[in-house]
Amino acid sequence: MTQPAASTDYAARITLSRSGLAPDKDVRILYAGTMPALLSTVKSGNAAAGVMSAPTTLQAQAGGLKLIASITKLKIPFLFVGVLTPRKIARENSEAVTRYVRGHIEAISVIRKDRETAERALGKYLKTEDRQVLDAVYDEYLDVFPKVPLMTAEEVKAVLDVAKSPKGKQMKPEDFFDNSFVQRIQASGFIDSLYAR
């Protein structure tokens, strides 16, 4: 994996556990630090496998490595990235939060409907114009962006289950998220209108 508590670490541990293998017992976890170092570690034979994401997966396949499993396609419920705000801000500035969430939802619609625009933005931030790289990243992550980005208790519970604090397992997932903004936007017809265009 890259680093402890990184997305690759959590993804690997959850995938191993689902496969009946105990991380750190049945499978030794090594940390390479970065994605390029992880690729080098696996290619050199110093690790049997590694959790990689596009575009590193392209380099891995070009180097003769084989895909064992697509963690993205396994659709493991886990909250890797979220948008947070204090409850007080959500309560006192609900209009600003609503505008932000609408913008986020509209950006998702652009990603899902307009590959060219999405890949142009990817190229800017990945600092590449390599079409193969941009296609690979787009294809790998497209389904990660749901049309209606509602949080689920199952996703939050998965995070609480791996939290270092013992209190994590005692907390209620519902105390950590608020879908009301997205639900109101959905009820207004805004999301449907984005995909009707």
C-alpha atoms as a PDB file:
ATOM      1  CA  MET A   1       0.000   0.000   0.000  1.00  0.00           C
ATOM      2  CA  THR A   2       1.103   3.621  -0.119  1.00  0.00           C
ATOM      3  CA  GLN A   3       0.770   4.726   3.531  1.00  0.00           C
ATOM      4  CA  PRO A   4      -1.014   3.660   6.713  1.00  0.00           C
ATOM      5  CA  ALA A   5      -4.621   4.933   6.790  1.00  0.00           C
ATOM      6  CA  ALA A   6      -4.434   5.990   3.119  1.00  0.00           C
ATOM      7  CA  SER A   7      -7.295   5.005   0.819  1.00  0.00           C
ATOM      8  CA  THR A   8      -5.155   2.167  -0.581  1.00  0.00           C
ATOM      9  CA  ASP A   9      -4.655   0.812   2.937  1.00  0.00           C
ATOM     10  CA  TYR A  10      -8.348   0.838   3.812  1.00  0.00           C
ATOM     11  CA  ALA A  11      -9.332  -0.541   0.399  1.00  0.00           C
ATOM     12  CA  ALA A  12      -6.865  -3.404   0.720  1.00  0.00           C
ATOM     13  CA  ARG A  13      -7.840  -4.278   4.277  1.00  0.00           C
ATOM     14  CA  ILE A  14     -11.558  -4.299   3.478  1.00  0.00           C
ATOM     15  CA  THR A  15     -11.034  -6.329   0.290  1.00  0.00           C
ATOM     16  CA  LEU A  16      -8.824  -8.861   2.066  1.00  0.00           C
ATOM     17  CA  SER A  17     -11.320  -9.233   4.913  1.00  0.00           C
ATOM     18  CA  ARG A  18     -14.175  -9.756   2.443  1.00  0.00           C
ATOM     19  CA  SER A  19     -12.068 -12.498   0.836  1.00  0.00           C
ATOM     20  CA  GLY A  20     -11.638 -14.286   4.157  1.00  0.00           C
ATOM     21  CA  LEU A  21      -8.046 -13.136   4.730  1.00  0.00           C
ATOM     22  CA  ALA A  22      -6.945 -11.346   7.888  1.00  0.00           C
ATOM     23  CA  PRO A  23      -4.776  -8.287   7.133  1.00  0.00           C
ATOM     24  CA  ASP A  24      -1.460  -8.355   9.054  1.00  0.00           C
ATOM     25  CA  LYS A  25      -2.046 -12.013   9.897  1.00  0.00           C
ATOM     26  CA  ASP A  26      -2.738 -13.926   6.673  1.00  0.00           C
ATOM     27  CA  VAL A  27      -1.329 -11.139   4.507  1.00  0.00           C
ATOM     28  CA  ARG A  28       1.588  -8.922   5.467  1.00  0.00           C
ATOM     29  CA  ILE A  29       0.977  -5.261   4.647  1.00  0.00           C
ATOM     30  CA  LEU A  30       3.922  -3.194   3.400  1.00  0.00           C
ATOM     31  CA  TYR A  31       3.964   0.561   2.804  1.00  0.00           C
ATOM     32  CA  ALA A  32       5.844   1.984  -0.164  1.00  0.00           C
ATOM     33  CA  GLY A  33       5.056   5.659   0.477  1.00  0.00           C
ATOM     34  CA  THR A  34       3.934   6.738  -2.999  1.00  0.00           C
ATOM     35  CA  MET A  35       2.105   5.203  -5.939  1.00  0.00           C
ATOM     36  CA  PRO A  36       5.269   5.138  -8.143  1.00  0.00           C
ATOM     37  CA  ALA A  37       7.219   3.482  -5.309  1.00  0.00           C
ATOM     38  CA  LEU A  38       4.387   0.978  -4.840  1.00  0.00           C
ATOM     39  CA  LEU A  39       4.556   0.069  -8.527  1.00  0.00           C
ATOM     40  CA  SER A  40       8.333  -0.358  -8.319  1.00  0.00           C
ATOM     41  CA  THR A  41       8.012  -2.541  -5.217  1.00  0.00           C
ATOM     42  CA  VAL A  42       5.585  -4.912  -6.933  1.00  0.00           C
ATOM     43  CA  LYS A  43       7.492  -4.943 -10.245  1.00  0.00           C
ATOM     44  CA  SER A  44      10.745  -5.779  -8.455  1.00  0.00           C
ATOM     45  CA  GLY A  45       9.125  -8.722  -6.665  1.00  0.00           C
ATOM     46  CA  ASN A  46       9.463  -7.200  -3.190  1.00  0.00           C
ATOM     47  CA  ALA A  47       5.665  -7.371  -2.827  1.00  0.00           C
ATOM     48  CA  ALA A  48       3.231  -9.904  -4.294  1.00  0.00           C
ATOM     49  CA  ALA A  49       0.559  -7.311  -5.116  1.00  0.00           C
ATOM     50  CA  GLY A  50      -0.423  -3.711  -4.558  1.00  0.00           C
ATOM     51  CA  VAL A  51      -3.499  -1.504  -4.626  1.00  0.00           C
ATOM     52  CA  MET A  52      -3.043   0.969  -7.466  1.00  0.00           C
ATOM     53  CA  SER A  53      -5.234   3.476  -9.231  1.00  0.00           C
ATOM     54  CA  ALA A  54      -5.218   4.915 -12.733  1.00  0.00           C
ATOM     55  CA  PRO A  55      -2.984   6.075 -14.320  1.00  0.00           C
ATOM     56  CA  THR A  56      -0.498   3.896 -12.388  1.00  0.00           C
ATOM     57  CA  THR A  57      -2.533   0.849 -13.416  1.00  0.00           C
ATOM     58  CA  LEU A  58      -1.619   1.560 -17.060  1.00  0.00           C
ATOM     59  CA  GLN A  59       2.082   1.493 -16.200  1.00  0.00           C
ATOM     60  CA  ALA A  60       1.561  -1.703 -14.204  1.00  0.00           C
ATOM     61  CA  GLN A  61      -0.151  -3.456 -17.099  1.00  0.00           C
ATOM     62  CA  ALA A  62       2.477  -2.193 -19.551  1.00  0.00           C
ATOM     63  CA  GLY A  63       5.103  -3.681 -17.209  1.00  0.00           C
ATOM     64  CA  GLY A  64       3.461  -7.102 -17.354  1.00  0.00           C
ATOM     65  CA  LEU A  65       1.469  -6.999 -14.106  1.00  0.00           C
ATOM     66  CA  LYS A  66      -2.009  -8.540 -14.122  1.00  0.00           C
ATOM     67  CA  LEU A  67      -5.194  -7.172 -12.588  1.00  0.00           C
ATOM     68  CA  ILE A  68      -6.319  -9.363  -9.679  1.00  0.00           C
ATOM     69  CA  ALA A  69      -9.477  -7.422  -8.805  1.00  0.00           C
ATOM     70  CA  SER A  70     -11.015  -4.036  -9.498  1.00  0.00           C
ATOM     71  CA  ILE A  71     -11.787  -2.597  -6.078  1.00  0.00           C
ATOM     72  CA  THR A  72     -13.858   0.156  -7.711  1.00  0.00           C
ATOM     73  CA  LYS A  73     -16.103  -2.455  -9.347  1.00  0.00           C
ATOM     74  CA  LEU A  74     -16.544  -4.261  -6.022  1.00  0.00           C
ATOM     75  CA  LYS A  75     -18.478  -1.154  -4.869  1.00  0.00           C
ATOM     76  CA  ILE A  76     -17.345  -1.516  -1.283  1.00  0.00           C
ATOM     77  CA  PRO A  77     -19.296   0.947   0.857  1.00  0.00           C
ATOM     78  CA  PHE A  78     -16.735   3.275   2.399  1.00  0.00           C
ATOM     79  CA  LEU A  79     -16.449   7.036   2.676  1.00  0.00           C
ATOM     80  CA  PHE A  80     -13.108   7.915   1.102  1.00  0.00           C
ATOM     81  CA  VAL A  81     -13.891  11.606   0.487  1.00  0.00           C
ATOM     82  CA  GLY A  82     -16.579  13.838   1.913  1.00  0.00           C
ATOM     83  CA  VAL A  83     -17.625  17.473   2.191  1.00  0.00           C
ATOM     84  CA  LEU A  84     -17.875  18.719   5.760  1.00  0.00           C
ATOM     85  CA  THR A  85     -19.205  21.805   7.470  1.00  0.00           C
ATOM     86  CA  PRO A  86     -20.021  22.518  11.108  1.00  0.00           C
ATOM     87  CA  ARG A  87     -23.715  22.089  11.982  1.00  0.00           C
ATOM     88  CA  LYS A  88     -23.838  25.751  12.992  1.00  0.00           C
ATOM     89  CA  ILE A  89     -22.770  26.842   9.482  1.00  0.00           C
ATOM     90  CA  ALA A  90     -25.305  24.490   7.880  1.00  0.00           C
ATOM     91  CA  ARG A  91     -28.013  25.908  10.124  1.00  0.00           C
ATOM     92  CA  GLU A  92     -27.106  29.607   9.913  1.00  0.00           C
ATOM     93  CA  ASN A  93     -25.980  29.712   6.284  1.00  0.00           C
ATOM     94  CA  SER A  94     -28.230  27.070   4.740  1.00  0.00           C
ATOM     95  CA  GLU A  95     -28.616  29.034   1.495  1.00  0.00           C
ATOM     96  CA  ALA A  96     -24.855  29.128   0.943  1.00  0.00           C
ATOM     97  CA  VAL A  97     -24.590  25.406   1.723  1.00  0.00           C
ATOM     98  CA  THR A  98     -27.460  24.689  -0.677  1.00  0.00           C
ATOM     99  CA  ARG A  99     -25.734  26.672  -3.450  1.00  0.00           C
ATOM    100  CA  TYR A 100     -22.493  24.771  -2.824  1.00  0.00           C
ATOM    101  CA  VAL A 101     -24.252  21.392  -2.922  1.00  0.00           C
ATOM    102  CA  ARG A 102     -26.106  22.374  -6.126  1.00  0.00           C
ATOM    103  CA  GLY A 103     -22.762  23.293  -7.696  1.00  0.00           C
ATOM    104  CA  HIS A 104     -21.294  19.967  -6.597  1.00  0.00           C
ATOM    105  CA  ILE A 105     -24.245  18.070  -8.077  1.00  0.00           C
ATOM    106  CA  GLU A 106     -24.011  20.049 -11.315  1.00  0.00           C
ATOM    107  CA  ALA A 107     -20.274  19.280 -11.538  1.00  0.00           C
ATOM    108  CA  ILE A 108     -21.092  15.580 -11.188  1.00  0.00           C
ATOM    109  CA  SER A 109     -23.553  15.889 -14.073  1.00  0.00           C
ATOM    110  CA  VAL A 110     -20.837  17.459 -16.239  1.00  0.00           C
ATOM    111  CA  ILE A 111     -18.467  14.607 -15.375  1.00  0.00           C
ATOM    112  CA  ARG A 112     -21.121  12.005 -16.184  1.00  0.00           C
ATOM    113  CA  LYS A 113     -22.450  13.638 -19.377  1.00  0.00           C
ATOM    114  CA  ASP A 114     -19.476  15.435 -20.926  1.00  0.00           C
ATOM    115  CA  ARG A 115     -16.405  13.216 -21.125  1.00  0.00           C
ATOM    116  CA  GLU A 116     -14.428  15.777 -23.134  1.00  0.00           C
ATOM    117  CA  THR A 117     -14.862  18.566 -20.588  1.00  0.00           C
ATOM    118  CA  ALA A 118     -14.177  16.178 -17.706  1.00  0.00           C
ATOM    119  CA  GLU A 119     -10.987  14.897 -19.342  1.00  0.00           C
ATOM    120  CA  ARG A 120      -9.821  18.449 -20.095  1.00  0.00           C
ATOM    121  CA  ALA A 121     -10.127  19.242 -16.380  1.00  0.00           C
ATOM    122  CA  LEU A 122      -8.379  15.986 -15.474  1.00  0.00           C
ATOM    123  CA  GLY A 123      -5.557  16.824 -17.878  1.00  0.00           C
ATOM    124  CA  LYS A 124      -5.109  20.238 -16.293  1.00  0.00           C
ATOM    125  CA  TYR A 125      -4.749  18.847 -12.774  1.00  0.00           C
ATOM    126  CA  LEU A 126      -2.872  15.675 -13.743  1.00  0.00           C
ATOM    127  CA  LYS A 127      -0.633  17.822 -15.962  1.00  0.00           C
ATOM    128  CA  THR A 128      -0.968  15.533 -18.960  1.00  0.00           C
ATOM    129  CA  GLU A 129      -2.541  15.509 -22.398  1.00  0.00           C
ATOM    130  CA  ASP A 130      -1.987  11.758 -22.831  1.00  0.00           C
ATOM    131  CA  ARG A 131      -5.377  10.520 -24.054  1.00  0.00           C
ATOM    132  CA  GLN A 132      -4.716   6.957 -22.837  1.00  0.00           C
ATOM    133  CA  VAL A 133      -4.045   8.216 -19.311  1.00  0.00           C
ATOM    134  CA  LEU A 134      -7.082  10.517 -19.304  1.00  0.00           C
ATOM    135  CA  ASP A 135      -9.358   7.787 -20.677  1.00  0.00           C
ATOM    136  CA  ALA A 136      -8.125   5.312 -18.051  1.00  0.00           C
ATOM    137  CA  VAL A 137      -8.702   7.723 -15.156  1.00  0.00           C
ATOM    138  CA  TYR A 138     -12.124   8.756 -16.468  1.00  0.00           C
ATOM    139  CA  ASP A 139     -13.248   5.171 -17.032  1.00  0.00           C
ATOM    140  CA  GLU A 140     -12.018   4.017 -13.624  1.00  0.00           C
ATOM    141  CA  TYR A 141     -13.757   6.738 -11.635  1.00  0.00           C
ATOM    142  CA  LEU A 142     -16.922   7.588 -13.600  1.00  0.00           C
ATOM    143  CA  ASP A 143     -19.198   5.317 -11.581  1.00  0.00           C
ATOM    144  CA  VAL A 144     -17.826   6.697  -8.314  1.00  0.00           C
ATOM    145  CA  PHE A 145     -19.881   9.851  -8.988  1.00  0.00           C
ATOM    146  CA  PRO A 146     -23.584   9.077  -8.373  1.00  0.00           C
ATOM    147  CA  LYS A 147     -26.204  11.314  -9.955  1.00  0.00           C
ATOM    148  CA  VAL A 148     -27.742  11.844  -6.515  1.00  0.00           C
ATOM    149  CA  PRO A 149     -24.857  11.987  -4.012  1.00  0.00           C
ATOM    150  CA  LEU A 150     -26.597  10.733  -0.898  1.00  0.00           C
ATOM    151  CA  MET A 151     -24.543   9.472   2.018  1.00  0.00           C
ATOM    152  CA  THR A 152     -25.413   6.083   3.485  1.00  0.00           C
ATOM    153  CA  ALA A 153     -25.151   4.841   7.053  1.00  0.00           C
ATOM    154  CA  GLU A 154     -23.282   1.801   5.703  1.00  0.00           C
ATOM    155  CA  GLU A 155     -20.500   3.992   4.238  1.00  0.00           C
ATOM    156  CA  VAL A 156     -20.077   5.958   7.449  1.00  0.00           C
ATOM    157  CA  LYS A 157     -20.222   2.814   9.599  1.00  0.00           C
ATOM    158  CA  ALA A 158     -17.360   1.331   7.558  1.00  0.00           C
ATOM    159  CA  VAL A 159     -15.229   4.358   8.473  1.00  0.00           C
ATOM    160  CA  LEU A 160     -16.235   4.219  12.140  1.00  0.00           C
ATOM    161  CA  ASP A 161     -15.361   0.508  12.187  1.00  0.00           C
ATOM    162  CA  VAL A 162     -11.739   1.244  11.252  1.00  0.00           C
ATOM    163  CA  ALA A 163     -11.379   4.356  13.395  1.00  0.00           C
ATOM    164  CA  LYS A 164      -8.428   4.252  15.797  1.00  0.00           C
ATOM    165  CA  SER A 165     -10.571   5.486  18.675  1.00  0.00           C
ATOM    166  CA  PRO A 166     -12.558   2.694  20.364  1.00  0.00           C
ATOM    167  CA  LYS A 167     -15.460   5.155  20.544  1.00  0.00           C
ATOM    168  CA  GLY A 168     -15.817   4.891  16.754  1.00  0.00           C
ATOM    169  CA  LYS A 169     -17.558   1.535  16.916  1.00  0.00           C
ATOM    170  CA  GLN A 170     -19.988   2.880  19.532  1.00  0.00           C
ATOM    171  CA  MET A 171     -21.079   5.918  17.499  1.00  0.00           C
ATOM    172  CA  LYS A 172     -24.237   6.028  15.377  1.00  0.00           C
ATOM    173  CA  PRO A 173     -23.420   6.606  11.673  1.00  0.00           C
ATOM    174  CA  GLU A 174     -26.524   8.796  11.293  1.00  0.00           C
ATOM    175  CA  ASP A 175     -24.975  11.347  13.654  1.00  0.00           C
ATOM    176  CA  PHE A 176     -22.257  12.087  11.087  1.00  0.00           C
ATOM    177  CA  PHE A 177     -24.154  13.051   7.961  1.00  0.00           C
ATOM    178  CA  ASP A 178     -27.075  15.120   6.742  1.00  0.00           C
ATOM    179  CA  ASN A 179     -28.724  14.256   3.425  1.00  0.00           C
ATOM    180  CA  SER A 180     -31.387  16.942   3.758  1.00  0.00           C
ATOM    181  CA  PHE A 181     -29.664  19.401   1.411  1.00  0.00           C
ATOM    182  CA  VAL A 182     -29.336  16.838  -1.375  1.00  0.00           C
ATOM    183  CA  GLN A 183     -32.871  15.556  -0.739  1.00  0.00           C
ATOM    184  CA  ARG A 184     -34.359  19.054  -1.025  1.00  0.00           C
ATOM    185  CA  ILE A 185     -32.412  19.697  -4.222  1.00  0.00           C
ATOM    186  CA  GLN A 186     -33.573  16.362  -5.621  1.00  0.00           C
ATOM    187  CA  ALA A 187     -37.203  17.062  -4.673  1.00  0.00           C
ATOM    188  CA  SER A 188     -37.018  20.425  -6.472  1.00  0.00           C
ATOM    189  CA  GLY A 189     -36.413  18.639  -9.781  1.00  0.00           C
ATOM    190  CA  PHE A 190     -32.984  20.254 -10.222  1.00  0.00           C
ATOM    191  CA  ILE A 191     -31.103  16.956 -10.609  1.00  0.00           C
ATOM    192  CA  ASP A 192     -33.560  15.551 -13.132  1.00  0.00           C
ATOM    193  CA  SER A 193     -33.304  18.785 -15.108  1.00  0.00           C
ATOM    194  CA  LEU A 194     -29.519  18.389 -15.385  1.00  0.00           C
ATOM    195  CA  TYR A 195     -29.874  15.022 -17.088  1.00  0.00           C
ATOM    196  CA  ALA A 196     -32.814  16.072 -19.283  1.00  0.00           C
ATOM    197  CA  ARG A 197     -30.652  18.619 -21.114  1.00  0.00           C
END
